[in-house]
């Protein structure tokens, strides 16, 4: 599983990254998690509001920071 957190590197972006890592740990899943701050790359995903969460190249969350259980649900569905 390949996961990307898209954003400018703000507090919300780091919170989303931390919660994503927590959701992975809670679910016992392993994945690469990468923070992407390049606006060109972010725009390439069609994201206008950050932070955003991308799982296996699909944008699943944009413009908000969900709680760990919601992220875990998205991870298991992916």
PDB file of N, CA and C in Angstrom:
ATOM      1  N   UNK A   1       0.849  -1.173   0.000  1.00  0.00           N
ATOM      2  CA  UNK A   1       0.000   0.000   0.000  1.00  0.00           C
ATOM      3  C   UNK A   1       0.893   1.234   0.000  1.00  0.00           C
ATOM      4  N   UNK A   2       0.533   2.184  -0.833  1.00  0.00           N
ATOM      5  CA  UNK A   2       1.289   3.423  -0.965  1.00  0.00           C
ATOM      6  C   UNK A   2       0.394   4.577  -0.527  1.00  0.00           C
ATOM      7  N   UNK A   3       0.837   5.329   0.475  1.00  0.00           N
ATOM      8  CA  UNK A   3       0.034   6.413   1.029  1.00  0.00           C
ATOM      9  C   UNK A   3       0.807   7.715   0.925  1.00  0.00           C
ATOM     10  N   UNK A   4       0.086   8.764   0.512  1.00  0.00           N
ATOM     11  CA  UNK A   4       0.680  10.091   0.434  1.00  0.00           C
ATOM     12  C   UNK A   4      -0.209  11.066   1.195  1.00  0.00           C
ATOM     13  N   UNK A   5       0.434  11.952   1.949  1.00  0.00           N
ATOM     14  CA  UNK A   5      -0.253  13.066   2.589  1.00  0.00           C
ATOM     15  C   UNK A   5       0.156  14.303   1.809  1.00  0.00           C
ATOM     16  N   UNK A   6      -0.832  14.999   1.244  1.00  0.00           N
ATOM     17  CA  UNK A   6      -0.564  16.167   0.426  1.00  0.00           C
ATOM     18  C   UNK A   6      -0.857  17.427   1.223  1.00  0.00           C
ATOM     19  N   UNK A   7       0.079  18.362   1.197  1.00  0.00           N
ATOM     20  CA  UNK A   7      -0.146  19.627   1.888  1.00  0.00           C
ATOM     21  C   UNK A   7       1.109  20.454   1.965  1.00  0.00           C
ATOM     22  N   UNK A   8       0.955  21.629   2.555  1.00  0.00           N
ATOM     23  CA  UNK A   8       2.047  22.591   2.623  1.00  0.00           C
ATOM     24  C   UNK A   8       3.021  22.324   3.759  1.00  0.00           C
ATOM     25  N   UNK A   9       2.732  21.338   4.578  1.00  0.00           N
ATOM     26  CA  UNK A   9       3.590  21.058   5.717  1.00  0.00           C
ATOM     27  C   UNK A   9       3.089  21.736   6.983  1.00  0.00           C
ATOM     28  N   UNK A  10       1.853  22.159   6.978  1.00  0.00           N
ATOM     29  CA  UNK A  10       1.251  22.851   8.126  1.00  0.00           C
ATOM     30  C   UNK A  10       0.923  21.847   9.243  1.00  0.00           C
ATOM     31  N   UNK A  11       0.438  22.365  10.345  1.00  0.00           N
ATOM     32  CA  UNK A  11       0.095  21.522  11.491  1.00  0.00           C
ATOM     33  C   UNK A  11      -0.959  20.481  11.126  1.00  0.00           C
ATOM     34  N   UNK A  12      -1.968  20.864  10.343  1.00  0.00           N
ATOM     35  CA  UNK A  12      -3.000  19.905   9.940  1.00  0.00           C
ATOM     36  C   UNK A  12      -2.423  18.784   9.081  1.00  0.00           C
ATOM     37  N   UNK A  13      -1.470  19.122   8.237  1.00  0.00           N
ATOM     38  CA  UNK A  13      -0.833  18.113   7.393  1.00  0.00           C
ATOM     39  C   UNK A  13      -0.085  17.095   8.250  1.00  0.00           C
ATOM     40  N   UNK A  14       0.635  17.589   9.235  1.00  0.00           N
ATOM     41  CA  UNK A  14       1.379  16.685  10.118  1.00  0.00           C
ATOM     42  C   UNK A  14       0.431  15.868  10.994  1.00  0.00           C
ATOM     43  N   UNK A  15      -0.685  16.467  11.399  1.00  0.00           N
ATOM     44  CA  UNK A  15      -1.681  15.726  12.172  1.00  0.00           C
ATOM     45  C   UNK A  15      -2.256  14.591  11.332  1.00  0.00           C
ATOM     46  N   UNK A  16      -2.553  14.865  10.067  1.00  0.00           N
ATOM     47  CA  UNK A  16      -3.073  13.820   9.182  1.00  0.00           C
ATOM     48  C   UNK A  16      -2.044  12.708   9.009  1.00  0.00           C
ATOM     49  N   UNK A  17      -0.792  13.064   8.854  1.00  0.00           N
ATOM     50  CA  UNK A  17       0.256  12.049   8.723  1.00  0.00           C
ATOM     51  C   UNK A  17       0.345  11.212   9.997  1.00  0.00           C
ATOM     52  N   UNK A  18       0.338  11.856  11.155  1.00  0.00           N
ATOM     53  CA  UNK A  18       0.419  11.128  12.426  1.00  0.00           C
ATOM     54  C   UNK A  18      -0.776  10.208  12.617  1.00  0.00           C
ATOM     55  N   UNK A  19      -1.971  10.704  12.301  1.00  0.00           N
ATOM     56  CA  UNK A  19      -3.175   9.876  12.452  1.00  0.00           C
ATOM     57  C   UNK A  19      -3.179   8.712  11.472  1.00  0.00           C
ATOM     58  N   UNK A  20      -2.644   8.937  10.287  1.00  0.00           N
ATOM     59  CA  UNK A  20      -2.555   7.856   9.299  1.00  0.00           C
ATOM     60  C   UNK A  20      -1.611   6.768   9.787  1.00  0.00           C
ATOM     61  N   UNK A  21      -0.484   7.163  10.327  1.00  0.00           N
ATOM     62  CA  UNK A  21       0.459   6.182  10.877  1.00  0.00           C
ATOM     63  C   UNK A  21      -0.161   5.433  12.061  1.00  0.00           C
ATOM     64  N   UNK A  22      -0.927   6.138  12.895  1.00  0.00           N
ATOM     65  CA  UNK A  22      -1.606   5.491  14.022  1.00  0.00           C
ATOM     66  C   UNK A  22      -2.643   4.492  13.526  1.00  0.00           C
ATOM     67  N   UNK A  23      -3.393   4.852  12.494  1.00  0.00           N
ATOM     68  CA  UNK A  23      -4.403   3.950  11.929  1.00  0.00           C
ATOM     69  C   UNK A  23      -3.749   2.703  11.345  1.00  0.00           C
ATOM     70  N   UNK A  24      -2.620   2.876  10.677  1.00  0.00           N
ATOM     71  CA  UNK A  24      -1.883   1.724  10.145  1.00  0.00           C
ATOM     72  C   UNK A  24      -1.434   0.803  11.277  1.00  0.00           C
ATOM     73  N   UNK A  25      -0.897   1.388  12.335  1.00  0.00           N
ATOM     74  CA  UNK A  25      -0.422   0.595  13.469  1.00  0.00           C
ATOM     75  C   UNK A  25      -1.574  -0.135  14.140  1.00  0.00           C
ATOM     76  N   UNK A  26      -2.695   0.569  14.339  1.00  0.00           N
ATOM     77  CA  UNK A  26      -3.867  -0.054  14.971  1.00  0.00           C
ATOM     78  C   UNK A  26      -4.388  -1.236  14.160  1.00  0.00           C
ATOM     79  N   UNK A  27      -4.321  -1.108  12.833  1.00  0.00           N
ATOM     80  CA  UNK A  27      -4.826  -2.160  11.947  1.00  0.00           C
ATOM     81  C   UNK A  27      -3.787  -3.241  11.672  1.00  0.00           C
ATOM     82  N   UNK A  28      -2.560  -3.023  12.126  1.00  0.00           N
ATOM     83  CA  UNK A  28      -1.502  -3.989  11.866  1.00  0.00           C
ATOM     84  C   UNK A  28      -1.083  -4.025  10.410  1.00  0.00           C
ATOM     85  N   UNK A  29      -1.258  -2.917   9.724  1.00  0.00           N
ATOM     86  CA  UNK A  29      -0.902  -2.848   8.311  1.00  0.00           C
ATOM     87  C   UNK A  29       0.434  -2.148   8.142  1.00  0.00           C
ATOM     88  N   UNK A  30       1.115  -2.494   7.071  1.00  0.00           N
ATOM     89  CA  UNK A  30       2.357  -1.820   6.727  1.00  0.00           C
ATOM     90  C   UNK A  30       2.164  -1.106   5.404  1.00  0.00           C
ATOM     91  N   UNK A  31       2.699   0.100   5.321  1.00  0.00           N
ATOM     92  CA  UNK A  31       2.597   0.878   4.091  1.00  0.00           C
ATOM     93  C   UNK A  31       3.666   1.948   4.121  1.00  0.00           C
ATOM     94  N   UNK A  32       4.008   2.428   2.934  1.00  0.00           N
ATOM     95  CA  UNK A  32       4.897   3.582   2.882  1.00  0.00           C
ATOM     96  C   UNK A  32       4.019   4.825   2.999  1.00  0.00           C
ATOM     97  N   UNK A  33       4.448   5.756   3.837  1.00  0.00           N
ATOM     98  CA  UNK A  33       3.723   7.008   4.026  1.00  0.00           C
ATOM     99  C   UNK A  33       4.678   8.137   3.666  1.00  0.00           C
ATOM    100  N   UNK A  34       4.254   8.958   2.723  1.00  0.00           N
ATOM    101  CA  UNK A  34       5.107  10.037   2.221  1.00  0.00           C
ATOM    102  C   UNK A  34       4.362  11.364   2.300  1.00  0.00           C
ATOM    103  N   UNK A  35       5.044  12.396   2.775  1.00  0.00           N
ATOM    104  CA  UNK A  35       4.487  13.751   2.804  1.00  0.00           C
ATOM    105  C   UNK A  35       4.900  14.447   1.517  1.00  0.00           C
ATOM    106  N   UNK A  36       3.924  14.958   0.775  1.00  0.00           N
ATOM    107  CA  UNK A  36       4.177  15.657  -0.477  1.00  0.00           C
ATOM    108  C   UNK A  36       3.834  17.132  -0.273  1.00  0.00           C
ATOM    109  N   UNK A  37       4.817  18.011  -0.455  1.00  0.00           N
ATOM    110  CA  UNK A  37       4.585  19.444  -0.273  1.00  0.00           C
ATOM    111  C   UNK A  37       4.721  20.232  -1.572  1.00  0.00           C
ATOM    112  N   UNK A  38       5.069  19.573  -2.649  1.00  0.00           N
ATOM    113  CA  UNK A  38       5.247  20.235  -3.947  1.00  0.00           C
ATOM    114  C   UNK A  38       3.871  20.562  -4.538  1.00  0.00           C
ATOM    115  N   UNK A  39       3.597  21.861  -4.705  1.00  0.00           N
ATOM    116  CA  UNK A  39       2.275  22.278  -5.182  1.00  0.00           C
ATOM    117  C   UNK A  39       1.949  21.738  -6.576  1.00  0.00           C
ATOM    118  N   UNK A  40       2.948  21.562  -7.408  1.00  0.00           N
ATOM    119  CA  UNK A  40       2.709  20.998  -8.733  1.00  0.00           C
ATOM    120  C   UNK A  40       2.217  19.570  -8.654  1.00  0.00           C
ATOM    121  N   UNK A  41       2.821  18.794  -7.775  1.00  0.00           N
ATOM    122  CA  UNK A  41       2.402  17.401  -7.583  1.00  0.00           C
ATOM    123  C   UNK A  41       1.004  17.354  -6.983  1.00  0.00           C
ATOM    124  N   UNK A  42       0.767  18.218  -5.987  1.00  0.00           N
ATOM    125  CA  UNK A  42      -0.552  18.263  -5.340  1.00  0.00           C
ATOM    126  C   UNK A  42      -1.631  18.602  -6.365  1.00  0.00           C
ATOM    127  N   UNK A  43      -1.368  19.605  -7.187  1.00  0.00           N
ATOM    128  CA  UNK A  43      -2.328  19.998  -8.230  1.00  0.00           C
ATOM    129  C   UNK A  43      -2.558  18.864  -9.217  1.00  0.00           C
ATOM    130  N   UNK A  44      -1.529  18.061  -9.458  1.00  0.00           N
ATOM    131  CA  UNK A  44      -1.658  16.926 -10.358  1.00  0.00           C
ATOM    132  C   UNK A  44      -2.676  15.897  -9.893  1.00  0.00           C
ATOM    133  N   UNK A  45      -2.929  15.872  -8.598  1.00  0.00           N
ATOM    134  CA  UNK A  45      -3.957  14.979  -8.050  1.00  0.00           C
ATOM    135  C   UNK A  45      -5.340  15.643  -8.091  1.00  0.00           C
ATOM    136  N   UNK A  46      -5.408  16.887  -8.533  1.00  0.00           N
ATOM    137  CA  UNK A  46      -6.678  17.596  -8.588  1.00  0.00           C
ATOM    138  C   UNK A  46      -7.122  18.118  -7.234  1.00  0.00           C
ATOM    139  N   UNK A  47      -6.205  18.185  -6.287  1.00  0.00           N
ATOM    140  CA  UNK A  47      -6.526  18.627  -4.931  1.00  0.00           C
ATOM    141  C   UNK A  47      -6.431  20.141  -4.854  1.00  0.00           C
ATOM    142  N   UNK A  48      -7.520  20.763  -4.393  1.00  0.00           N
ATOM    143  CA  UNK A  48      -7.543  22.213  -4.231  1.00  0.00           C
ATOM    144  C   UNK A  48      -7.485  22.601  -2.758  1.00  0.00           C
ATOM    145  N   UNK A  49      -7.902  21.695  -1.870  1.00  0.00           N
ATOM    146  CA  UNK A  49      -7.898  21.957  -0.433  1.00  0.00           C
ATOM    147  C   UNK A  49      -7.050  20.907   0.265  1.00  0.00           C
ATOM    148  N   UNK A  50      -6.082  21.380   1.037  1.00  0.00           N
ATOM    149  CA  UNK A  50      -5.230  20.460   1.774  1.00  0.00           C
ATOM    150  C   UNK A  50      -5.559  20.565   3.254  1.00  0.00           C
ATOM    151  N   UNK A  51      -5.194  19.577   4.040  1.00  0.00           N
ATOM    152  CA  UNK A  51      -4.441  18.398   3.647  1.00  0.00           C
ATOM    153  C   UNK A  51      -5.320  17.409   2.892  1.00  0.00           C
ATOM    154  N   UNK A  52      -4.661  16.514   2.203  1.00  0.00           N
ATOM    155  CA  UNK A  52      -5.359  15.464   1.476  1.00  0.00           C
ATOM    156  C   UNK A  52      -4.638  14.145   1.713  1.00  0.00           C
ATOM    157  N   UNK A  53      -5.408  13.080   1.646  1.00  0.00           N
ATOM    158  CA  UNK A  53      -4.863  11.734   1.835  1.00  0.00           C
ATOM    159  C   UNK A  53      -5.070  10.942   0.553  1.00  0.00           C
ATOM    160  N   UNK A  54      -3.987  10.366   0.067  1.00  0.00           N
ATOM    161  CA  UNK A  54      -4.014   9.570  -1.162  1.00  0.00           C
ATOM    162  C   UNK A  54      -3.612   8.144  -0.799  1.00  0.00           C
ATOM    163  N   UNK A  55      -4.463   7.194  -1.140  1.00  0.00           N
ATOM    164  CA  UNK A  55      -4.169   5.782  -0.904  1.00  0.00           C
ATOM    165  C   UNK A  55      -4.103   5.095  -2.265  1.00  0.00           C
ATOM    166  N   UNK A  56      -2.967   4.509  -2.563  1.00  0.00           N
ATOM    167  CA  UNK A  56      -2.741   3.825  -3.845  1.00  0.00           C
ATOM    168  C   UNK A  56      -3.190   4.699  -5.021  1.00  0.00           C
ATOM    169  N   UNK A  57      -2.729   5.947  -5.002  1.00  0.00           N
ATOM    170  CA  UNK A  57      -2.945   6.927  -6.074  1.00  0.00           C
ATOM    171  C   UNK A  57      -4.389   7.411  -6.204  1.00  0.00           C
ATOM    172  N   UNK A  58      -5.243   7.150  -5.213  1.00  0.00           N
ATOM    173  CA  UNK A  58      -6.619   7.638  -5.224  1.00  0.00           C
ATOM    174  C   UNK A  58      -6.805   8.609  -4.060  1.00  0.00           C
ATOM    175  N   UNK A  59      -7.278   9.816  -4.354  1.00  0.00           N
ATOM    176  CA  UNK A  59      -7.550  10.805  -3.304  1.00  0.00           C
ATOM    177  C   UNK A  59      -8.803  10.362  -2.553  1.00  0.00           C
ATOM    178  N   UNK A  60      -8.647  10.127  -1.235  1.00  0.00           N
ATOM    179  CA  UNK A  60      -9.777   9.647  -0.436  1.00  0.00           C
ATOM    180  C   UNK A  60     -10.283  10.693   0.559  1.00  0.00           C
ATOM    181  N   UNK A  61      -9.455  11.671   0.887  1.00  0.00           N
ATOM    182  CA  UNK A  61      -9.831  12.756   1.808  1.00  0.00           C
ATOM    183  C   UNK A  61      -9.177  14.027   1.294  1.00  0.00           C
ATOM    184  N   UNK A  62      -9.909  15.128   1.347  1.00  0.00           N
ATOM    185  CA  UNK A  62      -9.332  16.411   0.957  1.00  0.00           C
ATOM    186  C   UNK A  62      -9.962  17.518   1.785  1.00  0.00           C
ATOM    187  N   UNK A  63      -9.111  18.405   2.306  1.00  0.00           N
ATOM    188  CA  UNK A  63      -9.588  19.589   2.986  1.00  0.00           C
ATOM    189  C   UNK A  63      -9.975  19.423   4.443  1.00  0.00           C
ATOM    190  N   UNK A  64      -9.669  18.277   5.030  1.00  0.00           N
ATOM    191  CA  UNK A  64      -9.990  18.068   6.439  1.00  0.00           C
ATOM    192  C   UNK A  64      -9.084  16.998   7.026  1.00  0.00           C
ATOM    193  N   UNK A  65      -9.104  16.908   8.351  1.00  0.00           N
ATOM    194  CA  UNK A  65      -8.297  15.921   9.058  1.00  0.00           C
ATOM    195  C   UNK A  65      -9.258  14.972   9.790  1.00  0.00           C
ATOM    196  N   UNK A  66      -9.477  13.787   9.242  1.00  0.00           N
ATOM    197  CA  UNK A  66     -10.387  12.842   9.892  1.00  0.00           C
ATOM    198  C   UNK A  66      -9.750  12.210  11.128  1.00  0.00           C
ATOM    199  N   UNK A  67     -10.585  11.629  11.960  1.00  0.00           N
ATOM    200  CA  UNK A  67     -10.107  10.917  13.137  1.00  0.00           C
ATOM    201  C   UNK A  67      -9.516   9.569  12.702  1.00  0.00           C
ATOM    202  N   UNK A  68      -8.742   8.967  13.593  1.00  0.00           N
ATOM    203  CA  UNK A  68      -8.046   7.702  13.299  1.00  0.00           C
ATOM    204  C   UNK A  68      -9.009   6.594  12.836  1.00  0.00           C
ATOM    205  N   UNK A  69     -10.182   6.398  13.494  1.00  0.00           N
ATOM    206  CA  UNK A  69     -11.074   5.308  13.022  1.00  0.00           C
ATOM    207  C   UNK A  69     -11.537   5.477  11.577  1.00  0.00           C
ATOM    208  N   UNK A  70     -11.784   6.710  11.155  1.00  0.00           N
ATOM    209  CA  UNK A  70     -12.196   6.923   9.754  1.00  0.00           C
ATOM    210  C   UNK A  70     -11.058   6.586   8.806  1.00  0.00           C
ATOM    211  N   UNK A  71      -9.859   6.979   9.170  1.00  0.00           N
ATOM    212  CA  UNK A  71      -8.701   6.652   8.328  1.00  0.00           C
ATOM    213  C   UNK A  71      -8.509   5.142   8.265  1.00  0.00           C
ATOM    214  N   UNK A  72      -8.650   4.471   9.400  1.00  0.00           N
ATOM    215  CA  UNK A  72      -8.521   3.008   9.441  1.00  0.00           C
ATOM    216  C   UNK A  72      -9.538   2.355   8.514  1.00  0.00           C
ATOM    217  N   UNK A  73     -10.748   2.879   8.508  1.00  0.00           N
ATOM    218  CA  UNK A  73     -11.790   2.349   7.625  1.00  0.00           C
ATOM    219  C   UNK A  73     -11.415   2.519   6.160  1.00  0.00           C
ATOM    220  N   UNK A  74     -10.855   3.676   5.821  1.00  0.00           N
ATOM    221  CA  UNK A  74     -10.415   3.918   4.450  1.00  0.00           C
ATOM    222  C   UNK A  74      -9.269   2.997   4.057  1.00  0.00           C
ATOM    223  N   UNK A  75      -8.379   2.738   4.993  1.00  0.00           N
ATOM    224  CA  UNK A  75      -7.242   1.855   4.729  1.00  0.00           C
ATOM    225  C   UNK A  75      -7.706   0.426   4.478  1.00  0.00           C
ATOM    226  N   UNK A  76      -8.660  -0.028   5.263  1.00  0.00           N
ATOM    227  CA  UNK A  76      -9.131  -1.406   5.104  1.00  0.00           C
ATOM    228  C   UNK A  76      -9.970  -1.558   3.843  1.00  0.00           C
ATOM    229  N   UNK A  77     -10.629  -0.486   3.416  1.00  0.00           N
ATOM    230  CA  UNK A  77     -11.423  -0.535   2.192  1.00  0.00           C
ATOM    231  C   UNK A  77     -10.540  -0.488   0.949  1.00  0.00           C
ATOM    232  N   UNK A  78      -9.341   0.101   1.113  1.00  0.00           N
ATOM    233  CA  UNK A  78      -8.432   0.266  -0.023  1.00  0.00           C
ATOM    234  C   UNK A  78      -7.775  -1.000  -0.355  1.00  0.00           C
TER     235      UNK A  78
END
